[in-house]
Amino acid sequence: MASMQQPPQLDKVKHIILVMSGKGGVGKSSVTTQLALSLIARGKTVGVLDIDLCGPSIPRMLGLDGRGIHQSSAGWVPVYADEKKQLCCMSIGFMLENKDDSVVWRGPKKTAMIRQFLTDTCWGELDYLIIDTPPGTSDENISIVEHLKAYNPDGVILVTTPQAVALSDVRKQVSFCRQVGIPILGLVENMSGFICPHCSECNNLFSAGGGEAMSEEFGLNFLGRVPIDPTLTAMDTDLVKQFPTSSLFPVFEKITERVEEHATRSQ
C-alpha cells in the first residue's frame, strides 16, 4: 500500500485499535462499546470512531441518539458521553436528520468521509481510539487501514460467535489483516452462552469454544468469551453509568486487561 501522511489530529492519541468481524450480526459494535466503557472504568480517556457508515450503531449504544457534532476553528468536536469527558464519539449517525435515514454512498464518498473523520475531528489527548468498522473486507476497512498505515495502529480485535458460519467468515478477516499487514491483537468469542435473567445460570445456545479453537489454529491471542446478558439491553439508555454494575463488566475487565497487554504501539 502507498504510505499516507500521518493525520495531525491523531498526534496525541496513544493507542489505536480497530474492531473487525468477518460477518454482520456478531455483536462487534457491542464489543466496541463495552471495551470503551471498561477502559474508562480503568481511568483511561477513550474515543470511539464509528465508520460503519451504512449501519451506525454506536450513538444508540452510548445513549447519544439525537445529539449532533459541533464545528470549531480546529475542526469537528466529537460528542461526549460522560460528564468527565473521558469518552467521546464520532459517527455518521450524528449527521443524519433522521436516525432512520439510509446512507446510499459509493466507495469514493465513503473513503472521503473516513478521511475527514480522521483529519477533521478534534480528538485531543486520548489513551485509546477504538474504531468500529463494518463487517467484512469492504471499502471502509481498506480505506481506514490505508489512512492509518503510517500511524502504526496497535492492531485489530476480531469478533466472532461460536457458530461454524461465523468462524468461517472470520477466517477471511484473518487473511485480510495479514494481507494488509496490520497486527491482530486477539479474538473475542461473543454470544458464547446465555445468562438466564432469573437464575443467572449460563447456558450454551450456539455451542461454545469455536473461537478459542480457531485462535489456537491461527496462532492468535484468545481474549475471552462474552455471553448474552438480556439485562444489558435494559441499560441502553444509561449504559455509560450502569455498565460497571452489569454481570458482563467482570468479563470485559479481563478482556480489557489482555488487550492492554497486547497494545504495544509506541509514541
C-alpha atoms as a PDB file:
ATOM      1  CA  MET A   1       0.000   0.000   0.000  1.00  0.00           C
ATOM      2  CA  ALA A   2       1.154   3.538  -0.619  1.00  0.00           C
ATOM      3  CA  SER A   3       2.209   5.353   2.540  1.00  0.00           C
ATOM      4  CA  MET A   4      -0.179   8.022   3.791  1.00  0.00           C
ATOM      5  CA  GLN A   5       0.623  11.258   5.596  1.00  0.00           C
ATOM      6  CA  GLN A   6       0.154  10.994   9.346  1.00  0.00           C
ATOM      7  CA  PRO A   7      -3.183  12.621  10.333  1.00  0.00           C
ATOM      8  CA  PRO A   8      -2.250  15.579  12.600  1.00  0.00           C
ATOM      9  CA  GLN A   9      -5.434  15.265  14.667  1.00  0.00           C
ATOM     10  CA  LEU A  10      -4.149  11.904  15.940  1.00  0.00           C
ATOM     11  CA  ASP A  11      -0.867  13.315  17.291  1.00  0.00           C
ATOM     12  CA  LYS A  12      -1.992  12.983  20.914  1.00  0.00           C
ATOM     13  CA  VAL A  13      -3.647   9.566  20.604  1.00  0.00           C
ATOM     14  CA  LYS A  14      -1.529   6.928  22.357  1.00  0.00           C
ATOM     15  CA  HIS A  15      -3.206   3.736  21.100  1.00  0.00           C
ATOM     16  CA  ILE A  16      -5.368   2.966  18.056  1.00  0.00           C
ATOM     17  CA  ILE A  17      -7.386  -0.268  17.947  1.00  0.00           C
ATOM     18  CA  LEU A  18      -9.741  -1.453  15.201  1.00  0.00           C
ATOM     19  CA  VAL A  19     -12.622  -3.842  15.917  1.00  0.00           C
ATOM     20  CA  MET A  20     -13.480  -6.083  12.954  1.00  0.00           C
ATOM     21  CA  SER A  21     -15.631  -9.077  12.138  1.00  0.00           C
ATOM     22  CA  GLY A  22     -15.994 -11.400   9.183  1.00  0.00           C
ATOM     23  CA  LYS A  23     -19.778 -11.001   9.059  1.00  0.00           C
ATOM     24  CA  GLY A  24     -22.553  -8.837  10.424  1.00  0.00           C
ATOM     25  CA  GLY A  25     -24.661  -9.648  13.463  1.00  0.00           C
ATOM     26  CA  VAL A  26     -21.883 -10.946  15.707  1.00  0.00           C
ATOM     27  CA  GLY A  27     -22.048  -8.023  18.150  1.00  0.00           C
ATOM     28  CA  LYS A  28     -18.977  -6.110  17.003  1.00  0.00           C
ATOM     29  CA  SER A  29     -20.399  -2.716  17.999  1.00  0.00           C
ATOM     30  CA  SER A  30     -21.440  -4.134  21.369  1.00  0.00           C
ATOM     31  CA  VAL A  31     -17.887  -5.358  21.971  1.00  0.00           C
ATOM     32  CA  THR A  32     -16.534  -1.941  20.917  1.00  0.00           C
ATOM     33  CA  THR A  33     -18.864  -0.175  23.347  1.00  0.00           C
ATOM     34  CA  GLN A  34     -18.153  -2.449  26.298  1.00  0.00           C
ATOM     35  CA  LEU A  35     -14.395  -2.307  25.688  1.00  0.00           C
ATOM     36  CA  ALA A  36     -14.559   1.505  25.673  1.00  0.00           C
ATOM     37  CA  LEU A  37     -16.585   1.563  28.903  1.00  0.00           C
ATOM     38  CA  SER A  38     -14.190  -0.887  30.552  1.00  0.00           C
ATOM     39  CA  LEU A  39     -11.249   1.316  29.604  1.00  0.00           C
ATOM     40  CA  ILE A  40     -12.785   4.477  31.078  1.00  0.00           C
ATOM     41  CA  ALA A  41     -13.520   2.497  34.254  1.00  0.00           C
ATOM     42  CA  ARG A  42      -9.750   1.957  34.408  1.00  0.00           C
ATOM     43  CA  GLY A  43      -9.211   5.714  34.252  1.00  0.00           C
ATOM     44  CA  LYS A  44      -8.424   5.927  30.533  1.00  0.00           C
ATOM     45  CA  THR A  45      -9.587   8.590  28.086  1.00  0.00           C
ATOM     46  CA  VAL A  46     -11.213   6.948  25.082  1.00  0.00           C
ATOM     47  CA  GLY A  47     -12.545   7.964  21.696  1.00  0.00           C
ATOM     48  CA  VAL A  48     -14.832   5.769  19.596  1.00  0.00           C
ATOM     49  CA  LEU A  49     -14.914   6.267  15.834  1.00  0.00           C
ATOM     50  CA  ASP A  50     -17.867   4.581  14.137  1.00  0.00           C
ATOM     51  CA  ILE A  51     -17.026   4.049  10.453  1.00  0.00           C
ATOM     52  CA  ASP A  52     -19.894   1.654   9.776  1.00  0.00           C
ATOM     53  CA  LEU A  53     -21.362   4.353   7.557  1.00  0.00           C
ATOM     54  CA  CYS A  54     -24.382   2.369   6.384  1.00  0.00           C
ATOM     55  CA  GLY A  55     -25.284   0.979   9.806  1.00  0.00           C
ATOM     56  CA  PRO A  56     -24.020   3.261  12.596  1.00  0.00           C
ATOM     57  CA  SER A  57     -24.881   1.699  15.973  1.00  0.00           C
ATOM     58  CA  ILE A  58     -22.562   3.442  18.416  1.00  0.00           C
ATOM     59  CA  PRO A  59     -24.722   6.560  19.062  1.00  0.00           C
ATOM     60  CA  ARG A  60     -27.635   4.363  20.158  1.00  0.00           C
ATOM     61  CA  MET A  61     -25.444   2.091  22.285  1.00  0.00           C
ATOM     62  CA  LEU A  62     -23.901   5.028  24.131  1.00  0.00           C
ATOM     63  CA  GLY A  63     -27.288   6.709  24.637  1.00  0.00           C
ATOM     64  CA  LEU A  64     -26.368   9.580  22.300  1.00  0.00           C
ATOM     65  CA  ASP A  65     -29.226   9.402  19.787  1.00  0.00           C
ATOM     66  CA  GLY A  66     -30.358  12.871  18.743  1.00  0.00           C
ATOM     67  CA  ARG A  67     -27.051  14.529  19.589  1.00  0.00           C
ATOM     68  CA  GLY A  68     -25.078  16.468  16.982  1.00  0.00           C
ATOM     69  CA  ILE A  69     -21.465  17.371  16.368  1.00  0.00           C
ATOM     70  CA  HIS A  70     -20.218  20.950  16.543  1.00  0.00           C
ATOM     71  CA  GLN A  71     -17.733  22.790  14.367  1.00  0.00           C
ATOM     72  CA  SER A  72     -14.854  24.685  15.974  1.00  0.00           C
ATOM     73  CA  SER A  73     -11.984  26.640  14.433  1.00  0.00           C
ATOM     74  CA  ALA A  74      -9.847  23.478  14.803  1.00  0.00           C
ATOM     75  CA  GLY A  75     -12.388  21.071  13.291  1.00  0.00           C
ATOM     76  CA  TRP A  76     -15.250  18.828  14.351  1.00  0.00           C
ATOM     77  CA  VAL A  77     -15.830  18.425  18.081  1.00  0.00           C
ATOM     78  CA  PRO A  78     -16.797  14.820  18.940  1.00  0.00           C
ATOM     79  CA  VAL A  79     -19.812  14.070  21.108  1.00  0.00           C
ATOM     80  CA  TYR A  80     -19.007  13.320  24.750  1.00  0.00           C
ATOM     81  CA  ALA A  81     -20.840  10.511  26.509  1.00  0.00           C
ATOM     82  CA  ASP A  82     -19.976  11.343  30.118  1.00  0.00           C
ATOM     83  CA  GLU A  83     -19.683  14.379  32.382  1.00  0.00           C
ATOM     84  CA  LYS A  84     -15.939  13.896  32.971  1.00  0.00           C
ATOM     85  CA  LYS A  85     -15.295  13.880  29.203  1.00  0.00           C
ATOM     86  CA  GLN A  86     -13.417  10.596  29.372  1.00  0.00           C
ATOM     87  CA  LEU A  87     -15.389   9.118  26.471  1.00  0.00           C
ATOM     88  CA  CYS A  88     -16.083  10.824  23.155  1.00  0.00           C
ATOM     89  CA  CYS A  89     -17.589   9.542  19.941  1.00  0.00           C
ATOM     90  CA  MET A  90     -17.775  10.386  16.245  1.00  0.00           C
ATOM     91  CA  SER A  91     -20.279   8.781  13.882  1.00  0.00           C
ATOM     92  CA  ILE A  92     -22.169   9.481  10.676  1.00  0.00           C
ATOM     93  CA  GLY A  93     -25.238   8.913  12.850  1.00  0.00           C
ATOM     94  CA  PHE A  94     -24.766  12.378  14.361  1.00  0.00           C
ATOM     95  CA  MET A  95     -25.043  13.948  10.904  1.00  0.00           C
ATOM     96  CA  LEU A  96     -28.328  12.411   9.799  1.00  0.00           C
ATOM     97  CA  GLU A  97     -31.500  14.491  10.025  1.00  0.00           C
ATOM     98  CA  ASN A  98     -33.397  11.326  10.910  1.00  0.00           C
ATOM     99  CA  LYS A  99     -31.675   8.330  12.519  1.00  0.00           C
ATOM    100  CA  ASP A 100     -33.659   6.049  10.187  1.00  0.00           C
ATOM    101  CA  ASP A 101     -32.287   7.730   7.042  1.00  0.00           C
ATOM    102  CA  SER A 102     -30.182   5.436   4.862  1.00  0.00           C
ATOM    103  CA  VAL A 103     -26.688   6.339   3.689  1.00  0.00           C
ATOM    104  CA  VAL A 104     -26.539   5.482  -0.021  1.00  0.00           C
ATOM    105  CA  TRP A 105     -22.949   6.254  -0.997  1.00  0.00           C
ATOM    106  CA  ARG A 106     -20.461   4.717  -3.383  1.00  0.00           C
ATOM    107  CA  GLY A 107     -16.911   3.813  -2.368  1.00  0.00           C
ATOM    108  CA  PRO A 108     -15.133   7.132  -3.135  1.00  0.00           C
ATOM    109  CA  LYS A 109     -17.557   9.149  -1.000  1.00  0.00           C
ATOM    110  CA  LYS A 110     -17.209   6.676   1.876  1.00  0.00           C
ATOM    111  CA  THR A 111     -13.432   6.913   1.620  1.00  0.00           C
ATOM    112  CA  ALA A 112     -13.596  10.724   1.713  1.00  0.00           C
ATOM    113  CA  MET A 113     -15.843  10.637   4.778  1.00  0.00           C
ATOM    114  CA  ILE A 114     -13.499   8.326   6.672  1.00  0.00           C
ATOM    115  CA  ARG A 115     -10.527  10.535   5.799  1.00  0.00           C
ATOM    116  CA  GLN A 116     -12.452  13.539   7.099  1.00  0.00           C
ATOM    117  CA  PHE A 117     -13.293  11.756  10.368  1.00  0.00           C
ATOM    118  CA  LEU A 118      -9.576  11.201  10.930  1.00  0.00           C
ATOM    119  CA  THR A 119      -8.225  14.564   9.786  1.00  0.00           C
ATOM    120  CA  ASP A 120     -11.001  16.967  10.841  1.00  0.00           C
ATOM    121  CA  THR A 121     -12.072  15.594  14.230  1.00  0.00           C
ATOM    122  CA  CYS A 122     -10.528  17.240  17.308  1.00  0.00           C
ATOM    123  CA  TRP A 123      -9.746  14.048  19.203  1.00  0.00           C
ATOM    124  CA  GLY A 124      -7.423  15.788  21.651  1.00  0.00           C
ATOM    125  CA  GLU A 125      -5.426  13.737  24.147  1.00  0.00           C
ATOM    126  CA  LEU A 126      -6.651  10.128  24.198  1.00  0.00           C
ATOM    127  CA  ASP A 127      -5.270   6.960  25.698  1.00  0.00           C
ATOM    128  CA  TYR A 128      -7.252   4.890  23.192  1.00  0.00           C
ATOM    129  CA  LEU A 129      -9.067   5.459  19.919  1.00  0.00           C
ATOM    130  CA  ILE A 130     -11.276   2.451  19.155  1.00  0.00           C
ATOM    131  CA  ILE A 131     -12.562   2.213  15.587  1.00  0.00           C
ATOM    132  CA  ASP A 132     -15.770   0.259  14.992  1.00  0.00           C
ATOM    133  CA  THR A 133     -15.668  -0.999  11.404  1.00  0.00           C
ATOM    134  CA  PRO A 134     -18.310  -2.521   9.115  1.00  0.00           C
ATOM    135  CA  PRO A 135     -18.233  -6.306   8.643  1.00  0.00           C
ATOM    136  CA  GLY A 136     -16.125  -7.981   6.006  1.00  0.00           C
ATOM    137  CA  THR A 137     -13.381  -6.542   3.804  1.00  0.00           C
ATOM    138  CA  SER A 138     -15.275  -3.604   2.336  1.00  0.00           C
ATOM    139  CA  ASP A 139     -14.129  -0.202   1.063  1.00  0.00           C
ATOM    140  CA  GLU A 140     -14.359   1.256   4.575  1.00  0.00           C
ATOM    141  CA  ASN A 141     -11.975  -1.310   6.028  1.00  0.00           C
ATOM    142  CA  ILE A 142      -9.456  -0.939   3.211  1.00  0.00           C
ATOM    143  CA  SER A 143      -9.671   2.850   3.484  1.00  0.00           C
ATOM    144  CA  ILE A 144      -9.157   3.050   7.257  1.00  0.00           C
ATOM    145  CA  VAL A 145      -6.166   0.704   7.119  1.00  0.00           C
ATOM    146  CA  GLU A 146      -4.603   2.782   4.328  1.00  0.00           C
ATOM    147  CA  HIS A 147      -5.075   6.049   6.193  1.00  0.00           C
ATOM    148  CA  LEU A 148      -3.708   4.658   9.470  1.00  0.00           C
ATOM    149  CA  LYS A 149      -0.818   2.726   7.975  1.00  0.00           C
ATOM    150  CA  ALA A 150       1.757   5.443   8.626  1.00  0.00           C
ATOM    151  CA  TYR A 151       0.469   5.826  12.170  1.00  0.00           C
ATOM    152  CA  ASN A 152       1.249   2.238  13.258  1.00  0.00           C
ATOM    153  CA  PRO A 153      -2.049   1.279  14.924  1.00  0.00           C
ATOM    154  CA  ASP A 154      -1.774  -1.283  17.706  1.00  0.00           C
ATOM    155  CA  GLY A 155      -3.867  -3.728  15.729  1.00  0.00           C
ATOM    156  CA  VAL A 156      -7.222  -5.403  15.324  1.00  0.00           C
ATOM    157  CA  ILE A 157      -9.597  -7.159  17.697  1.00  0.00           C
ATOM    158  CA  LEU A 158     -11.573  -9.793  15.795  1.00  0.00           C
ATOM    159  CA  VAL A 159     -15.106 -10.644  16.923  1.00  0.00           C
ATOM    160  CA  THR A 160     -16.884 -13.900  16.158  1.00  0.00           C
ATOM    161  CA  THR A 161     -19.712 -16.033  17.504  1.00  0.00           C
ATOM    162  CA  PRO A 162     -19.392 -19.778  18.139  1.00  0.00           C
ATOM    163  CA  GLN A 163     -21.351 -20.892  15.029  1.00  0.00           C
ATOM    164  CA  ALA A 164     -19.440 -22.505  12.180  1.00  0.00           C
ATOM    165  CA  VAL A 165     -20.611 -19.932   9.598  1.00  0.00           C
ATOM    166  CA  ALA A 166     -19.280 -17.027  11.687  1.00  0.00           C
ATOM    167  CA  LEU A 167     -15.989 -18.814  12.291  1.00  0.00           C
ATOM    168  CA  SER A 168     -15.672 -19.449   8.557  1.00  0.00           C
ATOM    169  CA  ASP A 169     -16.115 -15.752   7.821  1.00  0.00           C
ATOM    170  CA  VAL A 170     -13.671 -14.595  10.493  1.00  0.00           C
ATOM    171  CA  ARG A 171     -11.013 -16.747   8.841  1.00  0.00           C
ATOM    172  CA  LYS A 172     -11.335 -14.409   5.837  1.00  0.00           C
ATOM    173  CA  GLN A 173     -10.835 -11.467   8.169  1.00  0.00           C
ATOM    174  CA  VAL A 174      -7.618 -13.032   9.475  1.00  0.00           C
ATOM    175  CA  SER A 175      -6.471 -13.335   5.861  1.00  0.00           C
ATOM    176  CA  PHE A 176      -7.399  -9.682   5.220  1.00  0.00           C
ATOM    177  CA  CYS A 177      -5.396  -8.433   8.223  1.00  0.00           C
ATOM    178  CA  ARG A 178      -2.365 -10.425   7.197  1.00  0.00           C
ATOM    179  CA  GLN A 179      -2.574  -9.255   3.587  1.00  0.00           C
ATOM    180  CA  VAL A 180      -2.712  -5.574   4.537  1.00  0.00           C
ATOM    181  CA  GLY A 181      -0.055  -6.016   7.218  1.00  0.00           C
ATOM    182  CA  ILE A 182      -1.991  -4.955  10.317  1.00  0.00           C
ATOM    183  CA  PRO A 183      -1.386  -6.891  13.575  1.00  0.00           C
ATOM    184  CA  ILE A 184      -4.157  -8.918  15.200  1.00  0.00           C
ATOM    185  CA  LEU A 185      -4.339  -8.265  18.944  1.00  0.00           C
ATOM    186  CA  GLY A 186      -6.665 -11.183  19.541  1.00  0.00           C
ATOM    187  CA  LEU A 187     -10.099 -12.685  19.119  1.00  0.00           C
ATOM    188  CA  VAL A 188     -13.281 -12.369  21.187  1.00  0.00           C
ATOM    189  CA  GLU A 189     -15.944 -15.089  21.088  1.00  0.00           C
ATOM    190  CA  ASN A 190     -19.188 -13.150  21.526  1.00  0.00           C
ATOM    191  CA  MET A 191     -22.649 -14.581  22.307  1.00  0.00           C
ATOM    192  CA  SER A 192     -20.925 -17.540  23.939  1.00  0.00           C
ATOM    193  CA  GLY A 193     -23.754 -18.683  26.184  1.00  0.00           C
ATOM    194  CA  PHE A 194     -26.913 -17.058  27.538  1.00  0.00           C
ATOM    195  CA  ILE A 195     -27.235 -15.741  31.092  1.00  0.00           C
ATOM    196  CA  CYS A 196     -30.693 -16.519  32.452  1.00  0.00           C
ATOM    197  CA  PRO A 197     -32.200 -13.312  33.918  1.00  0.00           C
ATOM    198  CA  HIS A 198     -33.961 -15.359  36.607  1.00  0.00           C
ATOM    199  CA  CYS A 199     -31.288 -17.730  37.938  1.00  0.00           C
ATOM    200  CA  SER A 200     -28.123 -16.233  36.379  1.00  0.00           C
ATOM    201  CA  GLU A 201     -27.117 -19.650  35.022  1.00  0.00           C
ATOM    202  CA  CYS A 202     -25.218 -19.542  31.718  1.00  0.00           C
ATOM    203  CA  ASN A 203     -26.346 -21.995  29.017  1.00  0.00           C
ATOM    204  CA  ASN A 204     -24.789 -22.501  25.588  1.00  0.00           C
ATOM    205  CA  LEU A 205     -27.279 -21.651  22.845  1.00  0.00           C
ATOM    206  CA  PHE A 206     -24.949 -21.868  19.860  1.00  0.00           C
ATOM    207  CA  SER A 207     -22.237 -24.168  21.280  1.00  0.00           C
ATOM    208  CA  ALA A 208     -19.014 -22.719  22.657  1.00  0.00           C
ATOM    209  CA  GLY A 209     -15.270 -22.914  22.256  1.00  0.00           C
ATOM    210  CA  GLY A 210     -15.079 -22.417  18.490  1.00  0.00           C
ATOM    211  CA  GLY A 211     -13.362 -19.051  18.818  1.00  0.00           C
ATOM    212  CA  GLU A 212     -10.742 -20.363  21.182  1.00  0.00           C
ATOM    213  CA  ALA A 213     -10.045 -23.372  18.933  1.00  0.00           C
ATOM    214  CA  MET A 214      -9.694 -21.095  15.927  1.00  0.00           C
ATOM    215  CA  SER A 215      -7.315 -18.841  17.863  1.00  0.00           C
ATOM    216  CA  GLU A 216      -5.103 -21.837  18.532  1.00  0.00           C
ATOM    217  CA  GLU A 217      -5.292 -22.873  14.876  1.00  0.00           C
ATOM    218  CA  PHE A 218      -4.128 -19.460  13.612  1.00  0.00           C
ATOM    219  CA  GLY A 219      -1.785 -18.630  16.482  1.00  0.00           C
ATOM    220  CA  LEU A 220      -3.946 -15.740  17.751  1.00  0.00           C
ATOM    221  CA  ASN A 221      -4.391 -14.444  21.270  1.00  0.00           C
ATOM    222  CA  PHE A 222      -7.748 -15.571  22.651  1.00  0.00           C
ATOM    223  CA  LEU A 223      -9.116 -12.579  24.568  1.00  0.00           C
ATOM    224  CA  GLY A 224     -12.175 -14.245  26.081  1.00  0.00           C
ATOM    225  CA  ARG A 225     -15.793 -15.339  25.801  1.00  0.00           C
ATOM    226  CA  VAL A 226     -18.736 -12.962  26.220  1.00  0.00           C
ATOM    227  CA  PRO A 227     -22.182 -14.429  26.993  1.00  0.00           C
ATOM    228  CA  ILE A 228     -25.525 -12.872  26.067  1.00  0.00           C
ATOM    229  CA  ASP A 229     -26.944 -10.967  29.029  1.00  0.00           C
ATOM    230  CA  PRO A 230     -30.514  -9.730  28.366  1.00  0.00           C
ATOM    231  CA  THR A 231     -30.310  -7.327  31.319  1.00  0.00           C
ATOM    232  CA  LEU A 232     -27.755  -5.297  29.358  1.00  0.00           C
ATOM    233  CA  THR A 233     -30.429  -4.116  26.920  1.00  0.00           C
ATOM    234  CA  ALA A 234     -32.360  -2.581  29.833  1.00  0.00           C
ATOM    235  CA  MET A 235     -29.362  -0.316  30.450  1.00  0.00           C
ATOM    236  CA  ASP A 236     -29.055   1.059  26.910  1.00  0.00           C
ATOM    237  CA  THR A 237     -30.437   4.488  27.818  1.00  0.00           C
ATOM    238  CA  ASP A 238     -27.799   4.936  30.555  1.00  0.00           C
ATOM    239  CA  LEU A 239     -25.217   2.269  29.753  1.00  0.00           C
ATOM    240  CA  VAL A 240     -22.261   4.582  30.415  1.00  0.00           C
ATOM    241  CA  LYS A 241     -23.187   4.906  34.107  1.00  0.00           C
ATOM    242  CA  GLN A 242     -24.713   1.478  34.672  1.00  0.00           C
ATOM    243  CA  PHE A 243     -22.253  -0.796  32.870  1.00  0.00           C
ATOM    244  CA  PRO A 244     -19.987  -1.274  35.937  1.00  0.00           C
ATOM    245  CA  THR A 245     -22.973  -2.943  37.670  1.00  0.00           C
ATOM    246  CA  SER A 246     -23.556  -5.357  34.780  1.00  0.00           C
ATOM    247  CA  SER A 247     -22.679  -9.044  35.008  1.00  0.00           C
ATOM    248  CA  LEU A 248     -20.591  -8.535  31.853  1.00  0.00           C
ATOM    249  CA  PHE A 249     -18.362  -5.925  33.469  1.00  0.00           C
ATOM    250  CA  PRO A 250     -16.050  -8.516  35.132  1.00  0.00           C
ATOM    251  CA  VAL A 251     -15.892 -10.394  31.806  1.00  0.00           C
ATOM    252  CA  PHE A 252     -14.736  -7.266  29.994  1.00  0.00           C
ATOM    253  CA  GLU A 253     -12.337  -6.328  32.771  1.00  0.00           C
ATOM    254  CA  LYS A 254     -10.358  -9.472  31.930  1.00  0.00           C
ATOM    255  CA  ILE A 255     -10.637  -8.885  28.169  1.00  0.00           C
ATOM    256  CA  THR A 256      -9.552  -5.259  28.585  1.00  0.00           C
ATOM    257  CA  GLU A 257      -6.579  -6.286  30.684  1.00  0.00           C
ATOM    258  CA  ARG A 258      -5.459  -8.652  27.918  1.00  0.00           C
ATOM    259  CA  VAL A 259      -5.999  -6.005  25.256  1.00  0.00           C
ATOM    260  CA  GLU A 260      -3.855  -3.518  27.193  1.00  0.00           C
ATOM    261  CA  GLU A 261      -1.126  -6.141  27.499  1.00  0.00           C
ATOM    262  CA  HIS A 262      -1.030  -6.616  23.730  1.00  0.00           C
ATOM    263  CA  ALA A 263      -1.439  -2.936  22.798  1.00  0.00           C
ATOM    264  CA  THR A 264       2.196  -2.002  22.396  1.00  0.00           C
ATOM    265  CA  ARG A 265       2.093   0.915  19.973  1.00  0.00           C
ATOM    266  CA  SER A 266       4.905   3.271  20.906  1.00  0.00           C
ATOM    267  CA  GLN A 267       4.710   7.052  20.757  1.00  0.00           C
END
